[in-house]
Structures are given as structure tokens and as C-alpha cells.
């Protein structure tokens, strides 16, 4: 099992495959202060005009701002728009 994982990791590096494609680690893309794309999310925990909480495999992403909207949402990614003022990351992984 370990040998398969090492071979897979080497192949991923050789082919330059991004980590978020082969794992469930979220990718967060911020465009200015008005759009945020989260890939590999697990669910929306809370949604208000001033607050959005997103669950991921490694923790909770908290977005604060004004006039927040979930513009696009599907099983792999969510696009949040509005006047984004703060982004917090709360780790749920054990060390």
C-alpha cells in the first residue's frame, strides 16, 4: 500500500498534477475583494448576507463581509460574491 502511494505521488509530480485535483484539499481563489471561489468543499454550514461558513476536509472557511451571495454552487465548488472583508480558516485536523 505504501509503495503504491509513493509511486502515485511520483507520477503526480512528474505530470505536474495539482494537489487539489488528486486529493480533497480545498483550493481558495480570491479575486479582488468581491469574489471567492472554493474548490473541493464539503458543504455550506451557514449562509447570511454578512457571513458564509464553508466546511472542507481540513477545516471551516469563514467569510465575512456585506451583501454576500452564493452565485454558483455545485458538488465540487462554490462561488461567493459580495463585499468580502475577512477570511478565516479554522483547522479541524488533528496534529
Protein backbone atom coordinates (compact mmCIF):
# COMPACT_ATOMS: atom_id res chain seq x y z
CA UNK A 1 0.00 0.00 0.00
CA UNK A 2 2.81 2.43 0.89
CA UNK A 3 4.65 1.58 -2.34
CA UNK A 4 1.53 2.36 -4.39
CA UNK A 5 1.14 5.72 -2.64
CA UNK A 6 4.80 6.63 -3.26
CA UNK A 7 4.51 5.65 -6.92
CA UNK A 8 1.31 7.70 -7.25
CA UNK A 9 2.98 10.74 -5.64
CA UNK A 10 5.97 10.46 -8.01
CA UNK A 11 3.64 10.18 -11.01
CA UNK A 12 1.64 13.22 -9.87
CA UNK A 13 4.82 15.29 -9.52
CA UNK A 14 6.15 14.09 -12.88
CA UNK A 15 2.91 15.01 -14.65
CA UNK A 16 2.65 18.25 -12.61
CA UNK A 17 -0.86 17.41 -11.45
CA UNK A 18 -2.07 19.94 -8.85
CA UNK A 19 -2.56 18.52 -5.33
CA UNK A 20 -6.19 19.68 -5.15
CA UNK A 21 -7.05 17.57 -8.21
CA UNK A 22 -5.99 14.27 -6.64
CA UNK A 23 -6.93 14.97 -3.02
CA UNK A 24 -9.81 16.60 -1.16
CA UNK A 25 -7.71 19.58 -0.06
CA UNK A 26 -9.63 22.79 -0.80
CA UNK A 27 -8.33 25.42 -3.21
CA UNK A 28 -9.31 29.02 -2.41
CA UNK A 29 -9.14 31.67 -5.12
CA UNK A 30 -9.79 35.30 -4.21
CA UNK A 31 -10.45 37.82 -6.99
CA UNK A 32 -10.15 41.32 -5.60
CA UNK A 33 -12.40 41.90 -2.61
CA UNK A 34 -15.61 40.82 -4.31
CA UNK A 35 -15.30 37.17 -5.44
CA UNK A 36 -14.11 34.00 -3.75
CA UNK A 37 -14.05 30.53 -5.34
CA UNK A 38 -13.66 27.48 -3.10
CA UNK A 39 -12.98 24.16 -4.81
CA UNK A 40 -13.24 20.78 -3.05
CA UNK A 41 -15.67 21.96 -0.39
CA UNK A 42 -17.88 19.57 1.58
CA UNK A 43 -20.87 21.77 2.35
CA UNK A 44 -22.29 25.13 3.33
CA UNK A 45 -22.65 25.33 7.12
CA UNK A 46 -24.11 28.82 7.40
CA UNK A 47 -25.19 31.48 4.92
CA UNK A 48 -26.20 35.03 5.80
CA UNK A 49 -25.85 38.33 3.96
CA UNK A 50 -22.85 39.18 6.17
CA UNK A 51 -21.36 35.71 6.84
CA UNK A 52 -20.69 32.44 4.99
CA UNK A 53 -19.24 29.30 6.61
CA UNK A 54 -17.97 26.52 4.35
CA UNK A 55 -16.97 23.05 5.53
CA UNK A 56 -13.90 21.41 3.96
CA UNK A 57 -11.88 18.26 4.60
CA UNK A 58 -9.26 20.23 6.54
CA UNK A 59 -11.44 22.73 8.37
CA UNK A 60 -14.01 25.50 8.18
CA UNK A 61 -13.62 28.58 6.00
CA UNK A 62 -15.40 31.66 7.38
CA UNK A 63 -16.02 34.61 5.07
CA UNK A 64 -17.27 37.92 6.47
CA UNK A 65 -18.49 40.91 4.51
CA UNK A 66 -21.60 42.62 3.18
CA UNK A 67 -24.15 41.69 0.51
CA UNK A 68 -22.77 38.13 0.32
CA UNK A 69 -24.25 35.80 -2.31
CA UNK A 70 -23.70 32.20 -3.32
CA UNK A 71 -23.54 32.79 -7.06
CA UNK A 72 -22.56 29.32 -8.18
CA UNK A 73 -22.75 26.13 -6.20
CA UNK A 74 -22.29 22.54 -7.34
CA UNK A 75 -20.82 19.36 -5.91
CA UNK A 76 -17.20 20.48 -6.40
CA UNK A 77 -17.05 24.24 -5.97
CA UNK A 78 -18.83 27.30 -4.67
CA UNK A 79 -18.51 30.89 -5.87
CA UNK A 80 -19.18 33.58 -3.28
CA UNK A 81 -19.58 37.23 -4.22
CA UNK A 82 -20.11 40.40 -2.24
CA UNK A 83 -18.02 42.90 -0.35
CA UNK A 84 -15.56 40.48 1.26
CA UNK A 85 -13.78 41.97 4.27
CA UNK A 86 -12.34 38.96 6.18
CA UNK A 87 -11.49 35.31 5.58
CA UNK A 88 -10.77 32.96 8.50
CA UNK A 89 -9.54 29.37 8.41
CA UNK A 90 -10.38 27.07 11.33
CA UNK A 91 -8.44 23.82 11.21
CA UNK A 92 -10.25 20.63 12.21
CA UNK A 93 -7.26 18.40 11.51
CA UNK A 94 -5.58 16.82 14.50
CA UNK A 95 -1.84 17.26 14.81
